């Protein structure tokens, strides 16, 4: 009996590899008898004619709304902000950055902020427009911008490209 099952299995495999339909007496329905699979109703494999041969055919003309949406999503997805021109060092309220009541620390904070402001005025043109824009926007998040923090951000944009990969 076991030999008969092996023989039937070999026959089924040989018929399947040859692409032949098996007769129903083997216990297979007509749908299972064919080894060649067919797609479900409403579906089909793409044909060569469905794929454009010219790469320029893939890009259809985009509406202005689509372009604006794509630009906005690109900024969000990359995590970058639009470049806002910042010609001069921004003016921050040092009294807000260094609140009163901190005692001796308040004097140190004020002197650090004033020194950082002078340094930024001297070096402002050495930073790229994108770095200035990104750092100013980031520094103003939270409502208490700092010249010291702005200077750190700008110096980082200069140093980062010189670091080895992964640092």
N, C-alpha and C. Protein backbone atom coordinates (compact mmCIF):
# COMPACT_ATOMS: atom_id res chain seq x y z
N UNK A 1 0.83 -1.18 0.00
CA UNK A 1 0.00 0.00 0.00
C UNK A 1 0.88 1.25 0.00
N UNK A 2 1.97 1.22 0.79
CA UNK A 2 2.87 2.35 0.89
C UNK A 2 3.52 2.64 -0.45
N UNK A 3 3.87 1.58 -1.19
CA UNK A 3 4.50 1.75 -2.49
C UNK A 3 3.55 2.42 -3.47
N UNK A 4 2.27 2.11 -3.34
CA UNK A 4 1.28 2.71 -4.23
C UNK A 4 1.19 4.22 -3.99
N UNK A 5 1.23 4.62 -2.70
CA UNK A 5 1.17 6.05 -2.39
C UNK A 5 2.41 6.78 -2.90
N UNK A 6 3.58 6.15 -2.78
CA UNK A 6 4.79 6.76 -3.29
C UNK A 6 4.74 6.90 -4.80
N UNK A 7 4.22 5.86 -5.45
CA UNK A 7 4.11 5.90 -6.91
C UNK A 7 3.16 7.03 -7.34
N UNK A 8 2.05 7.18 -6.63
CA UNK A 8 1.08 8.23 -6.96
C UNK A 8 1.71 9.61 -6.72
N UNK A 9 2.43 9.73 -5.63
CA UNK A 9 3.08 11.00 -5.33
C UNK A 9 4.10 11.36 -6.40
N UNK A 10 4.89 10.39 -6.85
CA UNK A 10 5.86 10.64 -7.91
C UNK A 10 5.17 11.02 -9.20
N UNK A 11 4.05 10.36 -9.50
CA UNK A 11 3.28 10.66 -10.71
C UNK A 11 2.73 12.09 -10.64
N UNK A 12 2.21 12.47 -9.47
CA UNK A 12 1.67 13.82 -9.30
C UNK A 12 2.77 14.85 -9.46
N UNK A 13 3.94 14.59 -8.87
CA UNK A 13 5.05 15.54 -8.98
C UNK A 13 5.54 15.65 -10.42
N UNK A 14 5.63 14.54 -11.11
CA UNK A 14 6.09 14.56 -12.50
C UNK A 14 5.08 15.29 -13.38
N UNK A 15 3.80 15.04 -13.15
CA UNK A 15 2.77 15.71 -13.94
C UNK A 15 2.78 17.21 -13.65
N UNK A 16 2.95 17.56 -12.39
CA UNK A 16 2.97 18.97 -12.02
C UNK A 16 4.14 19.70 -12.62
N UNK A 17 5.32 19.08 -12.61
CA UNK A 17 6.49 19.75 -13.17
C UNK A 17 6.40 19.86 -14.68
N UNK A 18 5.63 18.99 -15.30
CA UNK A 18 5.43 19.06 -16.74
C UNK A 18 4.30 20.01 -17.10
N UNK A 19 3.57 20.51 -16.09
CA UNK A 19 2.48 21.45 -16.35
C UNK A 19 1.21 20.76 -16.81
N UNK A 20 1.10 19.48 -16.51
CA UNK A 20 -0.09 18.73 -16.93
C UNK A 20 -1.17 18.77 -15.87
N UNK A 21 -2.42 18.69 -16.30
CA UNK A 21 -3.54 18.61 -15.37
C UNK A 21 -3.72 17.15 -14.96
N UNK A 22 -4.01 16.94 -13.71
CA UNK A 22 -4.21 15.59 -13.20
C UNK A 22 -5.69 15.23 -13.26
N UNK A 23 -5.99 13.99 -13.52
CA UNK A 23 -7.40 13.58 -13.54
C UNK A 23 -8.00 13.60 -12.14
N UNK A 24 -9.30 13.80 -12.07
CA UNK A 24 -10.03 13.88 -10.81
C UNK A 24 -9.97 12.59 -10.00
N UNK A 25 -9.87 11.38 -10.57
CA UNK A 25 -9.85 10.18 -9.74
C UNK A 25 -8.73 10.13 -8.71
N UNK A 26 -7.70 10.95 -8.85
CA UNK A 26 -6.65 10.96 -7.86
C UNK A 26 -7.08 11.66 -6.58
N UNK A 27 -8.30 12.15 -6.54
CA UNK A 27 -8.80 12.78 -5.34
C UNK A 27 -8.56 14.28 -5.32
N UNK A 28 -8.17 14.83 -6.44
CA UNK A 28 -7.94 16.26 -6.52
C UNK A 28 -9.11 16.90 -7.25
N UNK A 29 -9.50 18.07 -6.82
CA UNK A 29 -10.55 18.76 -7.57
C UNK A 29 -9.92 19.37 -8.80
N UNK A 30 -10.73 19.83 -9.69
CA UNK A 30 -10.23 20.43 -10.93
C UNK A 30 -9.36 21.65 -10.67
N UNK A 31 -9.68 22.43 -9.64
CA UNK A 31 -8.91 23.64 -9.35
C UNK A 31 -7.51 23.27 -8.86
N UNK A 32 -7.41 22.20 -8.07
CA UNK A 32 -6.10 21.81 -7.56
C UNK A 32 -5.32 20.99 -8.56
N UNK A 33 -5.99 20.46 -9.55
CA UNK A 33 -5.33 19.58 -10.49
C UNK A 33 -4.36 20.35 -11.37
N UNK A 34 -4.64 21.61 -11.66
CA UNK A 34 -3.74 22.39 -12.48
C UNK A 34 -2.62 22.94 -11.61
N UNK A 35 -1.42 22.78 -12.06
CA UNK A 35 -0.28 23.27 -11.30
C UNK A 35 -0.02 24.74 -11.60
N UNK A 36 -0.47 25.20 -12.75
CA UNK A 36 -0.26 26.59 -13.13
C UNK A 36 -1.26 27.45 -12.35
N UNK A 37 -0.75 28.37 -11.52
CA UNK A 37 -1.65 29.16 -10.70
C UNK A 37 -2.23 30.31 -11.52
N UNK A 38 -3.42 30.68 -11.17
CA UNK A 38 -4.06 31.82 -11.81
C UNK A 38 -4.34 32.87 -10.75
N UNK A 39 -4.40 34.10 -11.17
CA UNK A 39 -4.65 35.20 -10.24
C UNK A 39 -6.12 35.23 -9.88
N UNK A 40 -6.46 35.76 -8.71
CA UNK A 40 -7.87 35.90 -8.33
C UNK A 40 -8.60 36.80 -9.32
N UNK A 41 -9.91 36.69 -9.33
CA UNK A 41 -10.69 37.51 -10.24
C UNK A 41 -10.40 38.98 -9.99
N UNK A 42 -10.25 39.73 -11.08
CA UNK A 42 -9.97 41.16 -10.96
C UNK A 42 -8.50 41.49 -10.82
N UNK A 43 -7.65 40.48 -10.71
CA UNK A 43 -6.21 40.70 -10.58
C UNK A 43 -5.50 40.07 -11.76
N UNK A 44 -4.37 40.65 -12.10
CA UNK A 44 -3.54 40.03 -13.13
C UNK A 44 -2.10 40.48 -12.96
N UNK A 45 -1.21 39.72 -13.53
CA UNK A 45 0.19 40.08 -13.51
C UNK A 45 0.40 41.24 -14.48
N UNK A 46 1.28 42.18 -14.15
CA UNK A 46 1.55 43.26 -15.10
C UNK A 46 2.26 42.73 -16.33
N UNK A 47 1.97 43.34 -17.43
CA UNK A 47 2.63 42.98 -18.69
C UNK A 47 3.69 44.02 -19.00
N UNK A 48 4.56 43.71 -19.93
CA UNK A 48 5.63 44.64 -20.29
C UNK A 48 5.06 45.97 -20.77
N UNK A 49 3.92 45.96 -21.41
CA UNK A 49 3.31 47.19 -21.90
C UNK A 49 2.78 48.08 -20.79
N UNK A 50 2.58 47.51 -19.60
CA UNK A 50 2.09 48.31 -18.47
C UNK A 50 3.18 49.18 -17.85
N UNK A 51 4.43 48.81 -18.04
CA UNK A 51 5.54 49.54 -17.46
C UNK A 51 6.09 50.51 -18.50
N UNK A 52 6.16 51.80 -18.18
CA UNK A 52 6.67 52.75 -19.17
C UNK A 52 8.14 52.48 -19.47
N UNK A 53 8.49 52.54 -20.73
CA UNK A 53 9.88 52.29 -21.13
C UNK A 53 10.72 53.54 -20.98
N UNK A 54 10.10 54.71 -21.08
CA UNK A 54 10.81 55.97 -20.96
C UNK A 54 10.66 56.49 -19.54
N UNK A 55 11.76 56.73 -18.81
CA UNK A 55 11.65 57.19 -17.42
C UNK A 55 10.88 58.51 -17.28
N UNK A 56 10.88 59.33 -18.32
CA UNK A 56 10.18 60.61 -18.22
C UNK A 56 8.67 60.41 -18.19
N UNK A 57 8.18 59.26 -18.63
CA UNK A 57 6.74 58.99 -18.59
C UNK A 57 6.26 58.79 -17.16
N UNK A 58 7.15 58.40 -16.25
CA UNK A 58 6.75 58.14 -14.87
C UNK A 58 6.33 59.42 -14.17
N UNK A 59 6.97 60.53 -14.49
CA UNK A 59 6.68 61.81 -13.84
C UNK A 59 5.59 62.53 -14.62
N UNK A 60 4.42 62.60 -14.05
CA UNK A 60 3.35 63.36 -14.66
C UNK A 60 3.44 64.79 -14.14
N UNK A 61 2.84 65.71 -14.86
CA UNK A 61 2.85 67.11 -14.42
C UNK A 61 2.12 67.22 -13.09
N UNK A 62 2.74 67.92 -12.14
CA UNK A 62 2.15 68.05 -10.81
C UNK A 62 1.52 69.42 -10.66
N UNK A 63 0.42 69.45 -9.97
CA UNK A 63 -0.27 70.72 -9.73
C UNK A 63 0.51 71.53 -8.70
N UNK A 64 0.29 72.85 -8.64
CA UNK A 64 0.97 73.67 -7.63
C UNK A 64 0.67 73.21 -6.20
N UNK A 65 -0.57 72.74 -5.98
CA UNK A 65 -0.93 72.26 -4.65
C UNK A 65 -0.12 71.02 -4.28
N UNK A 66 0.05 70.11 -5.27
CA UNK A 66 0.84 68.91 -5.01
C UNK A 66 2.30 69.26 -4.72
N UNK A 67 2.84 70.23 -5.47
CA UNK A 67 4.23 70.64 -5.24
C UNK A 67 4.40 71.26 -3.85
N UNK A 68 3.44 72.10 -3.45
CA UNK A 68 3.52 72.72 -2.13
C UNK A 68 3.42 71.67 -1.03
N UNK A 69 2.52 70.71 -1.20
CA UNK A 69 2.36 69.64 -0.21
C UNK A 69 3.63 68.79 -0.14
N UNK A 70 4.19 68.47 -1.29
CA UNK A 70 5.41 67.66 -1.33
C UNK A 70 6.56 68.38 -0.64
N UNK A 71 6.68 69.69 -0.87
CA UNK A 71 7.73 70.48 -0.24
C UNK A 71 7.54 70.51 1.28
N UNK A 72 6.29 70.71 1.72
CA UNK A 72 6.01 70.76 3.16
C UNK A 72 6.29 69.41 3.82
N UNK A 73 5.87 68.33 3.17
CA UNK A 73 6.13 66.99 3.72
C UNK A 73 7.61 66.68 3.73
N UNK A 74 8.32 67.14 2.71
CA UNK A 74 9.76 66.92 2.68
C UNK A 74 10.46 67.59 3.85
N UNK A 75 10.04 68.79 4.18
CA UNK A 75 10.63 69.49 5.33
C UNK A 75 10.32 68.77 6.63
N UNK A 76 9.10 68.29 6.77
CA UNK A 76 8.71 67.58 7.99
C UNK A 76 9.46 66.26 8.09
N UNK A 77 9.47 65.52 7.00
CA UNK A 77 10.06 64.18 7.02
C UNK A 77 11.57 64.22 7.25
N UNK A 78 12.24 65.21 6.71
CA UNK A 78 13.68 65.30 6.91
C UNK A 78 14.01 65.91 8.26
N UNK A 79 13.00 66.47 8.92
CA UNK A 79 13.25 67.08 10.22
C UNK A 79 13.96 68.41 10.11
N UNK A 80 13.95 68.98 8.91
CA UNK A 80 14.60 70.28 8.77
C UNK A 80 13.56 71.37 8.58
N UNK A 81 13.95 72.55 8.88
CA UNK A 81 13.04 73.68 8.76
C UNK A 81 13.39 74.47 7.51
N UNK A 82 12.46 75.26 7.01
CA UNK A 82 12.78 76.08 5.84
C UNK A 82 13.84 77.11 6.20
N UNK A 83 14.64 77.49 5.22
CA UNK A 83 15.69 78.47 5.48
C UNK A 83 15.06 79.85 5.54
N UNK A 84 15.19 80.48 6.69
CA UNK A 84 14.71 81.84 6.90
C UNK A 84 15.95 82.71 6.99
N UNK A 85 16.10 83.67 6.08
CA UNK A 85 17.32 84.49 6.10
C UNK A 85 17.48 85.24 7.43
N UNK A 86 18.63 85.10 8.04
CA UNK A 86 18.96 85.80 9.28
C UNK A 86 20.24 86.56 8.99
N UNK A 87 20.12 87.85 8.68
CA UNK A 87 21.28 88.64 8.26
C UNK A 87 22.19 89.01 9.42
N UNK A 88 21.59 89.38 10.54
CA UNK A 88 22.37 89.84 11.69
C UNK A 88 22.09 88.95 12.90
N UNK A 89 22.95 89.09 13.88
CA UNK A 89 22.75 88.36 15.14
C UNK A 89 21.41 88.82 15.72
N UNK A 90 20.54 87.87 16.08
CA UNK A 90 19.25 88.28 16.64
C UNK A 90 19.42 88.98 17.98
N UNK A 91 18.40 89.75 18.33
CA UNK A 91 18.42 90.45 19.62
C UNK A 91 17.62 89.66 20.63
N UNK A 92 18.28 89.23 21.68
CA UNK A 92 17.61 88.50 22.75
C UNK A 92 17.60 89.36 24.01
N UNK A 93 16.59 89.17 24.82
CA UNK A 93 16.47 89.88 26.08
C UNK A 93 17.27 89.11 27.13
N UNK A 94 18.44 89.63 27.48
CA UNK A 94 19.32 88.94 28.42
C UNK A 94 18.67 88.84 29.79
N UNK A 95 17.85 89.82 30.15
CA UNK A 95 17.16 89.77 31.44
C UNK A 95 16.20 88.58 31.48
N UNK A 96 15.66 88.22 30.34
CA UNK A 96 14.75 87.06 30.28
C UNK A 96 15.54 85.75 30.29
N UNK A 97 16.71 85.76 29.63
CA UNK A 97 17.56 84.57 29.60
C UNK A 97 18.16 84.31 30.98
N UNK A 98 18.57 85.38 31.67
CA UNK A 98 19.17 85.27 33.00
C UNK A 98 18.24 85.97 33.99
N UNK A 99 17.21 85.28 34.49
CA UNK A 99 16.24 85.94 35.37
C UNK A 99 16.88 86.41 36.67
N UNK A 100 16.34 87.51 37.18
CA UNK A 100 16.84 88.07 38.45
C UNK A 100 16.50 87.11 39.59
N UNK A 101 17.20 87.24 40.68
CA UNK A 101 16.94 86.39 41.83
C UNK A 101 17.86 85.20 41.90
N UNK A 102 18.76 85.07 40.93
CA UNK A 102 19.71 83.97 40.95
C UNK A 102 20.97 84.34 41.71
N UNK A 103 21.01 85.57 42.23
CA UNK A 103 22.16 86.01 43.04
C UNK A 103 23.41 86.15 42.21
N UNK A 104 24.52 85.59 42.71
CA UNK A 104 25.82 85.67 42.04
C UNK A 104 25.78 84.99 40.67
N UNK A 105 24.99 83.95 40.54
CA UNK A 105 24.87 83.24 39.26
C UNK A 105 24.28 84.12 38.17
N UNK A 106 23.45 85.08 38.54
CA UNK A 106 22.84 85.97 37.57
C UNK A 106 23.90 86.85 36.91
N UNK A 107 24.89 87.32 37.70
CA UNK A 107 25.95 88.15 37.14
C UNK A 107 26.81 87.34 36.17
N UNK A 108 27.11 86.13 36.54
CA UNK A 108 27.89 85.25 35.66
C UNK A 108 27.13 84.97 34.38
N UNK A 109 25.85 84.69 34.51
CA UNK A 109 25.00 84.41 33.34
C UNK A 109 24.99 85.61 32.40
N UNK A 110 24.80 86.81 32.95
CA UNK A 110 24.75 88.03 32.14
C UNK A 110 26.08 88.26 31.41
N UNK A 111 27.19 88.09 32.12
CA UNK A 111 28.49 88.31 31.48
C UNK A 111 28.77 87.27 30.39
N UNK A 112 28.36 86.02 30.63
CA UNK A 112 28.52 84.97 29.61
C UNK A 112 27.70 85.31 28.36
N UNK A 113 26.46 85.75 28.57
CA UNK A 113 25.58 86.09 27.45
C UNK A 113 26.14 87.28 26.66
N UNK A 114 26.64 88.30 27.35
CA UNK A 114 27.19 89.47 26.66
C UNK A 114 28.45 89.12 25.88
N UNK A 115 29.30 88.29 26.46
CA UNK A 115 30.52 87.84 25.77
C UNK A 115 30.15 87.01 24.54
N UNK A 116 29.17 86.12 24.67
CA UNK A 116 28.74 85.29 23.54
C UNK A 116 28.13 86.17 22.44
N UNK A 117 27.39 87.20 22.82
CA UNK A 117 26.79 88.10 21.84
C UNK A 117 27.89 88.82 21.04
N UNK A 118 28.93 89.33 21.72
CA UNK A 118 30.04 90.01 21.03
C UNK A 118 30.75 89.05 20.07
N UNK A 119 31.00 87.83 20.55
CA UNK A 119 31.69 86.83 19.71
C UNK A 119 30.86 86.50 18.47
N UNK A 120 29.55 86.35 18.65
CA UNK A 120 28.68 86.04 17.51
C UNK A 120 28.67 87.19 16.50
N UNK A 121 28.68 88.43 16.96
CA UNK A 121 28.70 89.58 16.05
C UNK A 121 29.97 89.57 15.21
N UNK A 122 31.09 89.17 15.82
CA UNK A 122 32.36 89.11 15.09
C UNK A 122 32.38 87.98 14.07
N UNK A 123 31.81 86.83 14.42
CA UNK A 123 31.93 85.63 13.60
C UNK A 123 30.69 85.34 12.74
N UNK A 124 29.66 86.16 12.79
CA UNK A 124 28.38 85.86 12.16
C UNK A 124 28.52 85.49 10.68
N UNK A 125 29.35 86.21 9.94
CA UNK A 125 29.48 85.96 8.50
C UNK A 125 30.17 84.63 8.18
N UNK A 126 30.84 84.03 9.16
CA UNK A 126 31.55 82.77 8.90
C UNK A 126 30.62 81.57 8.90
N UNK A 127 29.40 81.74 9.38
CA UNK A 127 28.45 80.63 9.44
C UNK A 127 27.58 80.62 8.18
N UNK A 128 27.19 79.44 7.73
CA UNK A 128 26.36 79.34 6.53
C UNK A 128 24.95 79.86 6.81
N UNK A 129 24.28 80.25 5.74
CA UNK A 129 22.90 80.75 5.87
C UNK A 129 21.99 79.69 6.48
N UNK A 130 22.17 78.44 6.06
CA UNK A 130 21.34 77.35 6.60
C UNK A 130 21.62 77.14 8.08
N UNK A 131 22.89 77.18 8.47
CA UNK A 131 23.24 77.00 9.89
C UNK A 131 22.65 78.12 10.73
N UNK A 132 22.76 79.36 10.26
CA UNK A 132 22.19 80.48 11.01
C UNK A 132 20.68 80.31 11.15
N UNK A 133 20.02 79.96 10.06
CA UNK A 133 18.56 79.81 10.09
C UNK A 133 18.14 78.69 11.04
N UNK A 134 18.77 77.52 10.90
CA UNK A 134 18.39 76.37 11.74
C UNK A 134 18.66 76.64 13.21
N UNK A 135 19.83 77.21 13.51
CA UNK A 135 20.18 77.43 14.92
C UNK A 135 19.32 78.50 15.57
N UNK A 136 19.02 79.57 14.82
CA UNK A 136 18.16 80.61 15.40
C UNK A 136 16.78 80.05 15.67
N UNK A 137 16.22 79.28 14.72
CA UNK A 137 14.89 78.71 14.93
C UNK A 137 14.88 77.73 16.10
N UNK A 138 15.89 76.90 16.19
CA UNK A 138 15.96 75.92 17.28
C UNK A 138 16.17 76.62 18.63
N UNK A 139 16.99 77.65 18.64
CA UNK A 139 17.31 78.36 19.87
C UNK A 139 16.09 79.09 20.45
N UNK A 140 15.18 79.48 19.59
CA UNK A 140 14.02 80.24 20.06
C UNK A 140 12.88 79.35 20.55
N UNK A 141 13.02 78.05 20.42
CA UNK A 141 11.99 77.13 20.94
C UNK A 141 12.04 77.20 22.46
N UNK A 142 10.91 77.40 23.07
CA UNK A 142 10.84 77.45 24.53
C UNK A 142 10.74 78.85 25.09
N UNK A 143 11.03 79.87 24.25
CA UNK A 143 10.80 81.24 24.68
C UNK A 143 11.91 81.92 25.44
N UNK A 144 13.01 81.25 25.75
CA UNK A 144 14.14 81.88 26.45
C UNK A 144 15.42 81.65 25.67
N UNK A 145 15.56 82.33 24.52
CA UNK A 145 16.75 82.11 23.69
C UNK A 145 18.00 82.64 24.38
N UNK A 146 19.12 82.04 24.04
CA UNK A 146 20.39 82.35 24.69
C UNK A 146 21.48 82.51 23.63
N UNK A 147 22.31 83.54 23.77
CA UNK A 147 23.44 83.73 22.86
C UNK A 147 24.45 82.60 23.02
N UNK A 148 24.61 82.12 24.24
CA UNK A 148 25.55 81.02 24.50
C UNK A 148 25.09 79.77 23.73
N UNK A 149 23.81 79.44 23.85
CA UNK A 149 23.28 78.26 23.15
C UNK A 149 23.36 78.44 21.63
N UNK A 150 23.08 79.64 21.14
CA UNK A 150 23.17 79.91 19.71
C UNK A 150 24.60 79.71 19.23
N UNK A 151 25.57 80.20 20.02
CA UNK A 151 26.97 80.02 19.65
C UNK A 151 27.38 78.56 19.62
N UNK A 152 26.90 77.79 20.59
CA UNK A 152 27.22 76.35 20.62
C UNK A 152 26.65 75.66 19.39
N UNK A 153 25.41 75.98 19.05
CA UNK A 153 24.77 75.37 17.88
C UNK A 153 25.54 75.70 16.61
N UNK A 154 25.90 76.96 16.43
CA UNK A 154 26.61 77.38 15.22
C UNK A 154 28.00 76.74 15.13
N UNK A 155 28.71 76.68 16.24
CA UNK A 155 30.04 76.03 16.24
C UNK A 155 29.90 74.55 15.90
N UNK A 156 28.84 73.93 16.39
CA UNK A 156 28.61 72.51 16.10
C UNK A 156 28.43 72.28 14.61
N UNK A 157 27.73 73.19 13.94
CA UNK A 157 27.52 73.03 12.49
C UNK A 157 28.83 73.15 11.72
N UNK A 158 29.79 73.88 12.27
CA UNK A 158 31.09 73.98 11.63
C UNK A 158 31.96 72.77 11.90
N UNK A 159 31.88 72.23 13.11
CA UNK A 159 32.74 71.13 13.50
C UNK A 159 32.23 69.77 13.01
N UNK A 160 30.92 69.60 12.99
CA UNK A 160 30.32 68.29 12.67
C UNK A 160 30.80 67.70 11.35
N UNK A 161 30.88 68.46 10.26
CA UNK A 161 31.33 67.85 9.00
C UNK A 161 32.77 67.36 9.03
N UNK A 162 33.58 67.86 9.95
CA UNK A 162 34.99 67.45 10.01
C UNK A 162 35.22 66.20 10.84
N UNK A 163 34.20 65.78 11.59
CA UNK A 163 34.34 64.60 12.45
C UNK A 163 34.28 63.32 11.62
N UNK A 164 34.94 62.26 12.08
CA UNK A 164 34.86 60.99 11.37
C UNK A 164 33.41 60.46 11.40
N UNK A 165 33.10 59.63 10.42
CA UNK A 165 31.76 59.04 10.31
C UNK A 165 31.37 58.32 11.58
N UNK A 166 30.13 58.54 12.04
CA UNK A 166 29.61 57.85 13.21
C UNK A 166 29.92 58.52 14.52
N UNK A 167 30.58 59.66 14.53
CA UNK A 167 30.91 60.37 15.78
C UNK A 167 29.89 61.44 16.05
